[in-house]
Amino acid sequence: MTPSFALHVPDADLVPEPLDPGQIVSGAPEVSGKVVWESADGRQVRGIWQITPGVVTDTEADELFVVISGSATVEVEGGATLRVGPGDMAVLRAGDRTTWTVHETLRKAYAINL
């Protein structure tokens, strides 16, 4: 069992996570991240994720995230358009099809339930 911990998210070292080229709509966005905690059954994941400017599509998991730095507009197909920046919290539903327009390199802390 992982002990309780604290982590300074803005300075955390992240690992490159190659994007599927089919997800890139425009620009040359690069993604990096780090899982900081995962439940024993793998159904709950906590971590940090970052993406550089560009436009990408995604199919979301059940996720809550808080933006640490940067900004983006997240268009949910058939739903809301979310404008997020530092300090904003967002909730995405599993299966949401999204288009992320990243204006400034965005770093977020997230909690996903699978």
PDB file of N, CA and C in Angstrom:
ATOM      1  N   MET A   1       0.845  -1.189   0.000  1.00  0.00           N
ATOM      2  CA  MET A   1       0.000   0.000   0.000  1.00  0.00           C
ATOM      3  C   MET A   1       0.886   1.246   0.000  1.00  0.00           C
ATOM      4  N   THR A   2       0.584   2.178  -0.883  1.00  0.00           N
ATOM      5  CA  THR A   2       1.356   3.414  -0.985  1.00  0.00           C
ATOM      6  C   THR A   2       1.045   4.306   0.206  1.00  0.00           C
ATOM      7  N   PRO A   3       2.091   4.835   0.859  1.00  0.00           N
ATOM      8  CA  PRO A   3       1.835   5.757   1.974  1.00  0.00           C
ATOM      9  C   PRO A   3       1.301   7.088   1.457  1.00  0.00           C
ATOM     10  N   SER A   4       0.733   7.879   2.346  1.00  0.00           N
ATOM     11  CA  SER A   4       0.290   9.224   1.988  1.00  0.00           C
ATOM     12  C   SER A   4       1.502  10.020   1.532  1.00  0.00           C
ATOM     13  N   PHE A   5       1.287  10.979   0.618  1.00  0.00           N
ATOM     14  CA  PHE A   5       2.399  11.771   0.106  1.00  0.00           C
ATOM     15  C   PHE A   5       1.897  13.110  -0.420  1.00  0.00           C
ATOM     16  N   ALA A   6       2.837  14.013  -0.643  1.00  0.00           N
ATOM     17  CA  ALA A   6       2.558  15.293  -1.289  1.00  0.00           C
ATOM     18  C   ALA A   6       3.571  15.460  -2.416  1.00  0.00           C
ATOM     19  N   LEU A   7       3.161  16.177  -3.444  1.00  0.00           N
ATOM     20  CA  LEU A   7       4.000  16.359  -4.623  1.00  0.00           C
ATOM     21  C   LEU A   7       3.770  17.770  -5.151  1.00  0.00           C
ATOM     22  N   HIS A   8       4.847  18.483  -5.476  1.00  0.00           N
ATOM     23  CA  HIS A   8       4.717  19.829  -6.052  1.00  0.00           C
ATOM     24  C   HIS A   8       4.516  19.675  -7.558  1.00  0.00           C
ATOM     25  N   VAL A   9       3.282  19.780  -8.003  1.00  0.00           N
ATOM     26  CA  VAL A   9       2.905  19.469  -9.378  1.00  0.00           C
ATOM     27  C   VAL A   9       3.625  20.331 -10.426  1.00  0.00           C
ATOM     28  N   PRO A  10       3.789  21.650 -10.216  1.00  0.00           N
ATOM     29  CA  PRO A  10       4.421  22.453 -11.264  1.00  0.00           C
ATOM     30  C   PRO A  10       5.838  21.999 -11.634  1.00  0.00           C
ATOM     31  N   ASP A  11       6.562  21.412 -10.679  1.00  0.00           N
ATOM     32  CA  ASP A  11       7.957  21.028 -10.912  1.00  0.00           C
ATOM     33  C   ASP A  11       8.155  19.536 -11.135  1.00  0.00           C
ATOM     34  N   ALA A  12       7.094  18.754 -11.102  1.00  0.00           N
ATOM     35  CA  ALA A  12       7.231  17.297 -11.212  1.00  0.00           C
ATOM     36  C   ALA A  12       7.816  16.903 -12.570  1.00  0.00           C
ATOM     37  N   ASP A  13       8.748  15.950 -12.548  1.00  0.00           N
ATOM     38  CA  ASP A  13       9.321  15.424 -13.788  1.00  0.00           C
ATOM     39  C   ASP A  13       8.305  14.505 -14.455  1.00  0.00           C
ATOM     40  N   LEU A  14       8.117  14.710 -15.756  1.00  0.00           N
ATOM     41  CA  LEU A  14       7.164  13.908 -16.510  1.00  0.00           C
ATOM     42  C   LEU A  14       7.896  13.096 -17.576  1.00  0.00           C
ATOM     43  N   VAL A  15       7.222  12.063 -18.067  1.00  0.00           N
ATOM     44  CA  VAL A  15       7.787  11.156 -19.071  1.00  0.00           C
ATOM     45  C   VAL A  15       7.013  11.349 -20.377  1.00  0.00           C
ATOM     46  N   PRO A  16       7.706  11.433 -21.523  1.00  0.00           N
ATOM     47  CA  PRO A  16       6.994  11.581 -22.800  1.00  0.00           C
ATOM     48  C   PRO A  16       6.000  10.448 -23.028  1.00  0.00           C
ATOM     49  N   GLU A  17       4.821  10.794 -23.536  1.00  0.00           N
ATOM     50  CA  GLU A  17       3.774   9.830 -23.878  1.00  0.00           C
ATOM     51  C   GLU A  17       3.379  10.112 -25.324  1.00  0.00           C
ATOM     52  N   PRO A  18       3.931   9.358 -26.274  1.00  0.00           N
ATOM     53  CA  PRO A  18       3.642   9.647 -27.683  1.00  0.00           C
ATOM     54  C   PRO A  18       2.143   9.657 -27.990  1.00  0.00           C
ATOM     55  N   LEU A  19       1.725  10.668 -28.748  1.00  0.00           N
ATOM     56  CA  LEU A  19       0.339  10.777 -29.193  1.00  0.00           C
ATOM     57  C   LEU A  19       0.141   9.909 -30.430  1.00  0.00           C
ATOM     58  N   ASP A  20      -1.035   9.335 -30.557  1.00  0.00           N
ATOM     59  CA  ASP A  20      -1.412   8.647 -31.792  1.00  0.00           C
ATOM     60  C   ASP A  20      -1.530   9.747 -32.856  1.00  0.00           C
ATOM     61  N   PRO A  21      -0.780   9.659 -33.973  1.00  0.00           N
ATOM     62  CA  PRO A  21      -0.844  10.698 -35.006  1.00  0.00           C
ATOM     63  C   PRO A  21      -2.270  10.972 -35.491  1.00  0.00           C
ATOM     64  N   GLY A  22      -3.153   9.975 -35.402  1.00  0.00           N
ATOM     65  CA  GLY A  22      -4.535  10.151 -35.807  1.00  0.00           C
ATOM     66  C   GLY A  22      -5.319  11.102 -34.919  1.00  0.00           C
ATOM     67  N   GLN A  23      -4.796  11.388 -33.725  1.00  0.00           N
ATOM     68  CA  GLN A  23      -5.464  12.309 -32.802  1.00  0.00           C
ATOM     69  C   GLN A  23      -5.105  13.765 -33.071  1.00  0.00           C
ATOM     70  N   ILE A  24      -4.013  14.009 -33.802  1.00  0.00           N
ATOM     71  CA  ILE A  24      -3.539  15.371 -34.021  1.00  0.00           C
ATOM     72  C   ILE A  24      -4.306  16.013 -35.167  1.00  0.00           C
ATOM     73  N   VAL A  25      -4.989  17.136 -34.862  1.00  0.00           N
ATOM     74  CA  VAL A  25      -5.755  17.875 -35.860  1.00  0.00           C
ATOM     75  C   VAL A  25      -4.863  18.951 -36.478  1.00  0.00           C
ATOM     76  N   SER A  26      -4.094  19.667 -35.648  1.00  0.00           N
ATOM     77  CA  SER A  26      -3.176  20.683 -36.155  1.00  0.00           C
ATOM     78  C   SER A  26      -2.066  20.934 -35.162  1.00  0.00           C
ATOM     79  N   GLY A  27      -0.964  21.508 -35.666  1.00  0.00           N
ATOM     80  CA  GLY A  27       0.191  21.776 -34.831  1.00  0.00           C
ATOM     81  C   GLY A  27       1.012  20.518 -34.634  1.00  0.00           C
ATOM     82  N   ALA A  28       1.919  20.590 -33.663  1.00  0.00           N
ATOM     83  CA  ALA A  28       2.779  19.444 -33.339  1.00  0.00           C
ATOM     84  C   ALA A  28       2.787  19.258 -31.823  1.00  0.00           C
ATOM     85  N   PRO A  29       1.602  19.045 -31.226  1.00  0.00           N
ATOM     86  CA  PRO A  29       1.537  18.926 -29.766  1.00  0.00           C
ATOM     87  C   PRO A  29       2.311  17.717 -29.253  1.00  0.00           C
ATOM     88  N   GLU A  30       2.928  17.893 -28.086  1.00  0.00           N
ATOM     89  CA  GLU A  30       3.641  16.803 -27.420  1.00  0.00           C
ATOM     90  C   GLU A  30       3.033  16.606 -26.045  1.00  0.00           C
ATOM     91  N   VAL A  31       2.872  15.337 -25.678  1.00  0.00           N
ATOM     92  CA  VAL A  31       2.249  14.981 -24.410  1.00  0.00           C
ATOM     93  C   VAL A  31       3.280  14.310 -23.505  1.00  0.00           C
ATOM     94  N   SER A  32       3.194  14.623 -22.211  1.00  0.00           N
ATOM     95  CA  SER A  32       4.003  13.922 -21.211  1.00  0.00           C
ATOM     96  C   SER A  32       3.142  13.747 -19.973  1.00  0.00           C
ATOM     97  N   GLY A  33       3.559  12.835 -19.102  1.00  0.00           N
ATOM     98  CA  GLY A  33       2.746  12.592 -17.920  1.00  0.00           C
ATOM     99  C   GLY A  33       3.460  11.716 -16.919  1.00  0.00           C
ATOM    100  N   LYS A  34       2.758  11.479 -15.830  1.00  0.00           N
ATOM    101  CA  LYS A  34       3.292  10.633 -14.769  1.00  0.00           C
ATOM    102  C   LYS A  34       2.123  10.147 -13.916  1.00  0.00           C
ATOM    103  N   VAL A  35       2.018   8.828 -13.757  1.00  0.00           N
ATOM    104  CA  VAL A  35       1.038   8.275 -12.823  1.00  0.00           C
ATOM    105  C   VAL A  35       1.698   8.313 -11.451  1.00  0.00           C
ATOM    106  N   VAL A  36       1.053   8.960 -10.482  1.00  0.00           N
ATOM    107  CA  VAL A  36       1.631   9.069  -9.139  1.00  0.00           C
ATOM    108  C   VAL A  36       1.003   8.085  -8.156  1.00  0.00           C
ATOM    109  N   TRP A  37      -0.160   7.529  -8.518  1.00  0.00           N
ATOM    110  CA  TRP A  37      -0.826   6.548  -7.669  1.00  0.00           C
ATOM    111  C   TRP A  37      -1.824   5.767  -8.515  1.00  0.00           C
ATOM    112  N   GLU A  38      -1.903   4.456  -8.256  1.00  0.00           N
ATOM    113  CA  GLU A  38      -2.890   3.614  -8.927  1.00  0.00           C
ATOM    114  C   GLU A  38      -3.403   2.600  -7.918  1.00  0.00           C
ATOM    115  N   SER A  39      -4.718   2.362  -7.943  1.00  0.00           N
ATOM    116  CA  SER A  39      -5.298   1.381  -7.025  1.00  0.00           C
ATOM    117  C   SER A  39      -4.816  -0.016  -7.407  1.00  0.00           C
ATOM    118  N   ALA A  40      -4.879  -0.929  -6.451  1.00  0.00           N
ATOM    119  CA  ALA A  40      -4.418  -2.308  -6.664  1.00  0.00           C
ATOM    120  C   ALA A  40      -5.128  -2.966  -7.845  1.00  0.00           C
ATOM    121  N   ASP A  41      -6.411  -2.640  -8.042  1.00  0.00           N
ATOM    122  CA  ASP A  41      -7.164  -3.259  -9.147  1.00  0.00           C
ATOM    123  C   ASP A  41      -7.031  -2.468 -10.457  1.00  0.00           C
ATOM    124  N   GLY A  42      -6.277  -1.358 -10.437  1.00  0.00           N
ATOM    125  CA  GLY A  42      -6.048  -0.571 -11.637  1.00  0.00           C
ATOM    126  C   GLY A  42      -7.226   0.269 -12.089  1.00  0.00           C
ATOM    127  N   ARG A  43      -8.264   0.353 -11.280  1.00  0.00           N
ATOM    128  CA  ARG A  43      -9.472   1.081 -11.693  1.00  0.00           C
ATOM    129  C   ARG A  43      -9.467   2.551 -11.313  1.00  0.00           C
ATOM    130  N   GLN A  44      -8.536   2.948 -10.439  1.00  0.00           N
ATOM    131  CA  GLN A  44      -8.405   4.355 -10.066  1.00  0.00           C
ATOM    132  C   GLN A  44      -6.965   4.779 -10.327  1.00  0.00           C
ATOM    133  N   VAL A  45      -6.804   5.889 -11.044  1.00  0.00           N
ATOM    134  CA  VAL A  45      -5.480   6.375 -11.407  1.00  0.00           C
ATOM    135  C   VAL A  45      -5.403   7.861 -11.065  1.00  0.00           C
ATOM    136  N   ARG A  46      -4.304   8.274 -10.456  1.00  0.00           N
ATOM    137  CA  ARG A  46      -4.057   9.678 -10.121  1.00  0.00           C
ATOM    138  C   ARG A  46      -2.747  10.075 -10.781  1.00  0.00           C
ATOM    139  N   GLY A  47      -2.690  11.259 -11.351  1.00  0.00           N
ATOM    140  CA  GLY A  47      -1.445  11.625 -12.000  1.00  0.00           C
ATOM    141  C   GLY A  47      -1.381  13.061 -12.459  1.00  0.00           C
ATOM    142  N   ILE A  48      -0.356  13.315 -13.266  1.00  0.00           N
ATOM    143  CA  ILE A  48      -0.079  14.632 -13.834  1.00  0.00           C
ATOM    144  C   ILE A  48       0.046  14.436 -15.340  1.00  0.00           C
ATOM    145  N   TRP A  49      -0.490  15.374 -16.112  1.00  0.00           N
ATOM    146  CA  TRP A  49      -0.479  15.269 -17.569  1.00  0.00           C
ATOM    147  C   TRP A  49      -0.199  16.642 -18.143  1.00  0.00           C
ATOM    148  N   GLN A  50       0.563  16.676 -19.222  1.00  0.00           N
ATOM    149  CA  GLN A  50       0.902  17.952 -19.846  1.00  0.00           C
ATOM    150  C   GLN A  50       0.835  17.810 -21.361  1.00  0.00           C
ATOM    151  N   ILE A  51       0.385  18.885 -22.034  1.00  0.00           N
ATOM    152  CA  ILE A  51       0.348  18.916 -23.496  1.00  0.00           C
ATOM    153  C   ILE A  51       0.756  20.299 -23.971  1.00  0.00           C
ATOM    154  N   THR A  52       1.579  20.324 -25.030  1.00  0.00           N
ATOM    155  CA  THR A  52       2.030  21.587 -25.615  1.00  0.00           C
ATOM    156  C   THR A  52       0.981  22.063 -26.627  1.00  0.00           C
ATOM    157  N   PRO A  53       1.079  23.323 -27.082  1.00  0.00           N
ATOM    158  CA  PRO A  53       0.052  23.876 -27.962  1.00  0.00           C
ATOM    159  C   PRO A  53      -0.192  23.061 -29.238  1.00  0.00           C
ATOM    160  N   GLY A  54      -1.457  23.071 -29.647  1.00  0.00           N
ATOM    161  CA  GLY A  54      -1.911  22.370 -30.835  1.00  0.00           C
ATOM    162  C   GLY A  54      -3.360  21.966 -30.641  1.00  0.00           C
ATOM    163  N   VAL A  55      -3.883  21.190 -31.579  1.00  0.00           N
ATOM    164  CA  VAL A  55      -5.269  20.727 -31.498  1.00  0.00           C
ATOM    165  C   VAL A  55      -5.275  19.205 -31.633  1.00  0.00           C
ATOM    166  N   VAL A  56      -5.921  18.534 -30.667  1.00  0.00           N
ATOM    167  CA  VAL A  56      -6.004  17.071 -30.664  1.00  0.00           C
ATOM    168  C   VAL A  56      -7.425  16.627 -30.330  1.00  0.00           C
ATOM    169  N   THR A  57      -7.738  15.391 -30.735  1.00  0.00           N
ATOM    170  CA  THR A  57      -9.020  14.800 -30.360  1.00  0.00           C
ATOM    171  C   THR A  57      -8.755  13.676 -29.363  1.00  0.00           C
ATOM    172  N   ASP A  58      -9.782  13.350 -28.571  1.00  0.00           N
ATOM    173  CA  ASP A  58      -9.635  12.290 -27.585  1.00  0.00           C
ATOM    174  C   ASP A  58     -11.010  11.711 -27.262  1.00  0.00           C
ATOM    175  N   THR A  59     -11.016  10.510 -26.726  1.00  0.00           N
ATOM    176  CA  THR A  59     -12.211   9.932 -26.122  1.00  0.00           C
ATOM    177  C   THR A  59     -11.891   9.803 -24.647  1.00  0.00           C
ATOM    178  N   GLU A  60     -12.686  10.446 -23.818  1.00  0.00           N
ATOM    179  CA  GLU A  60     -12.359  10.616 -22.412  1.00  0.00           C
ATOM    180  C   GLU A  60     -12.734   9.430 -21.536  1.00  0.00           C
ATOM    181  N   ALA A  61     -12.052   9.374 -20.396  1.00  0.00           N
ATOM    182  CA  ALA A  61     -12.405   8.480 -19.298  1.00  0.00           C
ATOM    183  C   ALA A  61     -13.230   9.303 -18.302  1.00  0.00           C
ATOM    184  N   ASP A  62     -13.727   8.671 -17.253  1.00  0.00           N
ATOM    185  CA  ASP A  62     -14.404   9.360 -16.155  1.00  0.00           C
ATOM    186  C   ASP A  62     -13.298  10.068 -15.373  1.00  0.00           C
ATOM    187  N   GLU A  63     -13.193  11.390 -15.554  1.00  0.00           N
ATOM    188  CA  GLU A  63     -12.036  12.117 -15.035  1.00  0.00           C
ATOM    189  C   GLU A  63     -12.423  13.434 -14.382  1.00  0.00           C
ATOM    190  N   LEU A  64     -11.736  13.735 -13.299  1.00  0.00           N
ATOM    191  CA  LEU A  64     -11.761  15.051 -12.673  1.00  0.00           C
ATOM    192  C   LEU A  64     -10.335  15.569 -12.789  1.00  0.00           C
ATOM    193  N   PHE A  65     -10.158  16.822 -13.254  1.00  0.00           N
ATOM    194  CA  PHE A  65      -8.818  17.391 -13.293  1.00  0.00           C
ATOM    195  C   PHE A  65      -8.829  18.843 -12.855  1.00  0.00           C
ATOM    196  N   VAL A  66      -7.658  19.308 -12.403  1.00  0.00           N
ATOM    197  CA  VAL A  66      -7.441  20.702 -12.038  1.00  0.00           C
ATOM    198  C   VAL A  66      -6.256  21.195 -12.853  1.00  0.00           C
ATOM    199  N   VAL A  67      -6.446  22.312 -13.546  1.00  0.00           N
ATOM    200  CA  VAL A  67      -5.378  22.898 -14.352  1.00  0.00           C
ATOM    201  C   VAL A  67      -4.397  23.622 -13.425  1.00  0.00           C
ATOM    202  N   ILE A  68      -3.126  23.288 -13.590  1.00  0.00           N
ATOM    203  CA  ILE A  68      -2.064  23.907 -12.793  1.00  0.00           C
ATOM    204  C   ILE A  68      -1.498  25.119 -13.529  1.00  0.00           C
ATOM    205  N   SER A  69      -1.285  24.958 -14.849  1.00  0.00           N
ATOM    206  CA  SER A  69      -0.755  26.052 -15.663  1.00  0.00           C
ATOM    207  C   SER A  69      -1.206  25.866 -17.107  1.00  0.00           C
ATOM    208  N   GLY A  70      -1.171  26.961 -17.867  1.00  0.00           N
ATOM    209  CA  GLY A  70      -1.553  26.923 -19.268  1.00  0.00           C
ATOM    210  C   GLY A  70      -3.041  27.093 -19.468  1.00  0.00           C
ATOM    211  N   SER A  71      -3.466  26.933 -20.727  1.00  0.00           N
ATOM    212  CA  SER A  71      -4.889  27.098 -21.016  1.00  0.00           C
ATOM    213  C   SER A  71      -5.278  26.307 -22.258  1.00  0.00           C
ATOM    214  N   ALA A  72      -6.566  25.952 -22.307  1.00  0.00           N
ATOM    215  CA  ALA A  72      -7.103  25.205 -23.437  1.00  0.00           C
ATOM    216  C   ALA A  72      -8.606  25.427 -23.526  1.00  0.00           C
ATOM    217  N   THR A  73      -9.121  25.156 -24.704  1.00  0.00           N
ATOM    218  CA  THR A  73     -10.560  25.095 -24.923  1.00  0.00           C
ATOM    219  C   THR A  73     -10.861  23.641 -25.258  1.00  0.00           C
ATOM    220  N   VAL A  74     -11.781  23.039 -24.504  1.00  0.00           N
ATOM    221  CA  VAL A  74     -12.136  21.640 -24.707  1.00  0.00           C
ATOM    222  C   VAL A  74     -13.586  21.607 -25.198  1.00  0.00           C
ATOM    223  N   GLU A  75     -13.763  21.186 -26.448  1.00  0.00           N
ATOM    224  CA  GLU A  75     -15.101  21.078 -27.016  1.00  0.00           C
ATOM    225  C   GLU A  75     -15.575  19.638 -26.858  1.00  0.00           C
ATOM    226  N   VAL A  76     -16.698  19.467 -26.169  1.00  0.00           N
ATOM    227  CA  VAL A  76     -17.284  18.139 -25.997  1.00  0.00           C
ATOM    228  C   VAL A  76     -18.322  17.958 -27.095  1.00  0.00           C
ATOM    229  N   GLU A  77     -18.134  16.908 -27.923  1.00  0.00           N
ATOM    230  CA  GLU A  77     -19.055  16.659 -29.032  1.00  0.00           C
ATOM    231  C   GLU A  77     -20.478  16.539 -28.496  1.00  0.00           C
ATOM    232  N   GLY A  78     -21.377  17.372 -29.021  1.00  0.00           N
ATOM    233  CA  GLY A  78     -22.772  17.343 -28.602  1.00  0.00           C
ATOM    234  C   GLY A  78     -23.000  17.917 -27.212  1.00  0.00           C
ATOM    235  N   GLY A  79     -21.987  18.617 -26.667  1.00  0.00           N
ATOM    236  CA  GLY A  79     -22.113  19.155 -25.308  1.00  0.00           C
ATOM    237  C   GLY A  79     -21.471  20.520 -25.164  1.00  0.00           C
ATOM    238  N   ALA A  80     -20.936  20.751 -24.008  1.00  0.00           N
ATOM    239  CA  ALA A  80     -20.392  22.062 -23.641  1.00  0.00           C
ATOM    240  C   ALA A  80     -19.022  22.318 -24.267  1.00  0.00           C
ATOM    241  N   THR A  81     -18.657  23.597 -24.315  1.00  0.00           N
ATOM    242  CA  THR A  81     -17.298  24.012 -24.641  1.00  0.00           C
ATOM    243  C   THR A  81     -16.708  24.549 -23.337  1.00  0.00           C
ATOM    244  N   LEU A  82     -15.632  23.902 -22.884  1.00  0.00           N
ATOM    245  CA  LEU A  82     -15.016  24.247 -21.609  1.00  0.00           C
ATOM    246  C   LEU A  82     -13.753  25.062 -21.861  1.00  0.00           C
ATOM    247  N   ARG A  83     -13.666  26.233 -21.259  1.00  0.00           N
ATOM    248  CA  ARG A  83     -12.448  27.036 -21.339  1.00  0.00           C
ATOM    249  C   ARG A  83     -11.761  26.900 -19.992  1.00  0.00           C
ATOM    250  N   VAL A  84     -10.562  26.327 -19.996  1.00  0.00           N
ATOM    251  CA  VAL A  84      -9.897  26.033 -18.728  1.00  0.00           C
ATOM    252  C   VAL A  84      -8.516  26.675 -18.664  1.00  0.00           C
ATOM    253  N   GLY A  85      -8.180  27.116 -17.452  1.00  0.00           N
ATOM    254  CA  GLY A  85      -6.882  27.717 -17.176  1.00  0.00           C
ATOM    255  C   GLY A  85      -6.506  27.455 -15.730  1.00  0.00           C
ATOM    256  N   PRO A  86      -5.415  28.061 -15.260  1.00  0.00           N
ATOM    257  CA  PRO A  86      -4.918  27.781 -13.915  1.00  0.00           C
ATOM    258  C   PRO A  86      -6.000  27.925 -12.836  1.00  0.00           C
ATOM    259  N   GLY A  87      -6.118  26.885 -12.017  1.00  0.00           N
ATOM    260  CA  GLY A  87      -7.076  26.887 -10.917  1.00  0.00           C
ATOM    261  C   GLY A  87      -8.438  26.335 -11.284  1.00  0.00           C
ATOM    262  N   ASP A  88      -8.694  26.100 -12.571  1.00  0.00           N
ATOM    263  CA  ASP A  88      -9.996  25.578 -12.977  1.00  0.00           C
ATOM    264  C   ASP A  88     -10.057  24.066 -12.785  1.00  0.00           C
ATOM    265  N   MET A  89     -11.217  23.599 -12.334  1.00  0.00           N
ATOM    266  CA  MET A  89     -11.486  22.182 -12.192  1.00  0.00           C
ATOM    267  C   MET A  89     -12.499  21.805 -13.264  1.00  0.00           C
ATOM    268  N   ALA A  90     -12.321  20.647 -13.871  1.00  0.00           N
ATOM    269  CA  ALA A  90     -13.273  20.175 -14.879  1.00  0.00           C
ATOM    270  C   ALA A  90     -13.571  18.696 -14.635  1.00  0.00           C
ATOM    271  N   VAL A  91     -14.757  18.280 -15.061  1.00  0.00           N
ATOM    272  CA  VAL A  91     -15.165  16.885 -14.967  1.00  0.00           C
ATOM    273  C   VAL A  91     -15.559  16.441 -16.369  1.00  0.00           C
ATOM    274  N   LEU A  92     -14.971  15.330 -16.807  1.00  0.00           N
ATOM    275  CA  LEU A  92     -15.291  14.753 -18.111  1.00  0.00           C
ATOM    276  C   LEU A  92     -15.947  13.396 -17.894  1.00  0.00           C
ATOM    277  N   ARG A  93     -16.926  13.094 -18.721  1.00  0.00           N
ATOM    278  CA  ARG A  93     -17.639  11.815 -18.615  1.00  0.00           C
ATOM    279  C   ARG A  93     -16.955  10.767 -19.477  1.00  0.00           C
ATOM    280  N   ALA A  94     -16.958   9.540 -19.012  1.00  0.00           N
ATOM    281  CA  ALA A  94     -16.426   8.430 -19.809  1.00  0.00           C
ATOM    282  C   ALA A  94     -17.154   8.385 -21.138  1.00  0.00           C
ATOM    283  N   GLY A  95     -16.385   8.291 -22.223  1.00  0.00           N
ATOM    284  CA  GLY A  95     -16.961   8.208 -23.548  1.00  0.00           C
ATOM    285  C   GLY A  95     -17.125   9.537 -24.249  1.00  0.00           C
ATOM    286  N   ASP A  96     -16.984  10.676 -23.513  1.00  0.00           N
ATOM    287  CA  ASP A  96     -17.059  11.976 -24.172  1.00  0.00           C
ATOM    288  C   ASP A  96     -16.013  12.031 -25.283  1.00  0.00           C
ATOM    289  N   ARG A  97     -16.439  12.458 -26.471  1.00  0.00           N
ATOM    290  CA  ARG A  97     -15.500  12.688 -27.570  1.00  0.00           C
ATOM    291  C   ARG A  97     -15.175  14.179 -27.543  1.00  0.00           C
ATOM    292  N   THR A  98     -13.896  14.495 -27.433  1.00  0.00           N
ATOM    293  CA  THR A  98     -13.487  15.879 -27.230  1.00  0.00           C
ATOM    294  C   THR A  98     -12.470  16.327 -28.271  1.00  0.00           C
ATOM    295  N   THR A  99     -12.427  17.651 -28.466  1.00  0.00           N
ATOM    296  CA  THR A  99     -11.375  18.300 -29.244  1.00  0.00           C
ATOM    297  C   THR A  99     -10.738  19.331 -28.330  1.00  0.00           C
ATOM    298  N   TRP A 100      -9.437  19.159 -28.101  1.00  0.00           N
ATOM    299  CA  TRP A 100      -8.670  20.048 -27.235  1.00  0.00           C
ATOM    300  C   TRP A 100      -7.884  21.035 -28.098  1.00  0.00           C
ATOM    301  N   THR A 101      -8.148  22.330 -27.931  1.00  0.00           N
ATOM    302  CA  THR A 101      -7.340  23.369 -28.547  1.00  0.00           C
ATOM    303  C   THR A 101      -6.483  23.950 -27.423  1.00  0.00           C
ATOM    304  N   VAL A 102      -5.209  23.616 -27.448  1.00  0.00           N
ATOM    305  CA  VAL A 102      -4.304  24.028 -26.377  1.00  0.00           C
ATOM    306  C   VAL A 102      -3.629  25.331 -26.791  1.00  0.00           C
ATOM    307  N   HIS A 103      -3.908  26.396 -26.017  1.00  0.00           N
ATOM    308  CA  HIS A 103      -3.391  27.733 -26.327  1.00  0.00           C
ATOM    309  C   HIS A 103      -1.991  27.936 -25.763  1.00  0.00           C
ATOM    310  N   GLU A 104      -1.787  27.516 -24.525  1.00  0.00           N
ATOM    311  CA  GLU A 104      -0.485  27.583 -23.847  1.00  0.00           C
ATOM    312  C   GLU A 104      -0.273  26.216 -23.218  1.00  0.00           C
ATOM    313  N   THR A 105       0.971  25.743 -23.175  1.00  0.00           N
ATOM    314  CA  THR A 105       1.261  24.419 -22.606  1.00  0.00           C
ATOM    315  C   THR A 105       0.460  24.230 -21.320  1.00  0.00           C
ATOM    316  N   LEU A 106      -0.357  23.186 -21.312  1.00  0.00           N
ATOM    317  CA  LEU A 106      -1.278  22.941 -20.209  1.00  0.00           C
ATOM    318  C   LEU A 106      -0.776  21.776 -19.361  1.00  0.00           C
ATOM    319  N   ARG A 107      -0.736  22.007 -18.049  1.00  0.00           N
ATOM    320  CA  ARG A 107      -0.391  20.946 -17.090  1.00  0.00           C
ATOM    321  C   ARG A 107      -1.567  20.802 -16.139  1.00  0.00           C
ATOM    322  N   LYS A 108      -1.989  19.543 -15.933  1.00  0.00           N
ATOM    323  CA  LYS A 108      -3.118  19.292 -15.038  1.00  0.00           C
ATOM    324  C   LYS A 108      -2.802  18.134 -14.107  1.00  0.00           C
ATOM    325  N   ALA A 109      -3.444  18.163 -12.957  1.00  0.00           N
ATOM    326  CA  ALA A 109      -3.438  17.020 -12.030  1.00  0.00           C
ATOM    327  C   ALA A 109      -4.805  16.362 -12.194  1.00  0.00           C
ATOM    328  N   TYR A 110      -4.814  15.020 -12.289  1.00  0.00           N
ATOM    329  CA  TYR A 110      -6.067  14.350 -12.589  1.00  0.00           C
ATOM    330  C   TYR A 110      -6.313  13.143 -11.689  1.00  0.00           C
ATOM    331  N   ALA A 111      -7.605  12.792 -11.643  1.00  0.00           N
ATOM    332  CA  ALA A 111      -8.063  11.555 -10.991  1.00  0.00           C
ATOM    333  C   ALA A 111      -9.016  10.901 -11.974  1.00  0.00           C
ATOM    334  N   ILE A 112      -8.698   9.665 -12.382  1.00  0.00           N
ATOM    335  CA  ILE A 112      -9.510   8.915 -13.337  1.00  0.00           C
ATOM    336  C   ILE A 112     -10.061   7.666 -12.673  1.00  0.00           C
ATOM    337  N   ASN A 113     -11.334   7.390 -12.944  1.00  0.00           N
ATOM    338  CA  ASN A 113     -11.978   6.141 -12.508  1.00  0.00           C
ATOM    339  C   ASN A 113     -12.287   5.341 -13.762  1.00  0.00           C
ATOM    340  N   LEU A 114     -11.766   4.113 -13.828  1.00  0.00           N
ATOM    341  CA  LEU A 114     -11.977   3.258 -14.994  1.00  0.00           C
ATOM    342  C   LEU A 114     -13.058   2.224 -14.705  1.00  0.00           C
TER     343      LEU A 114
END
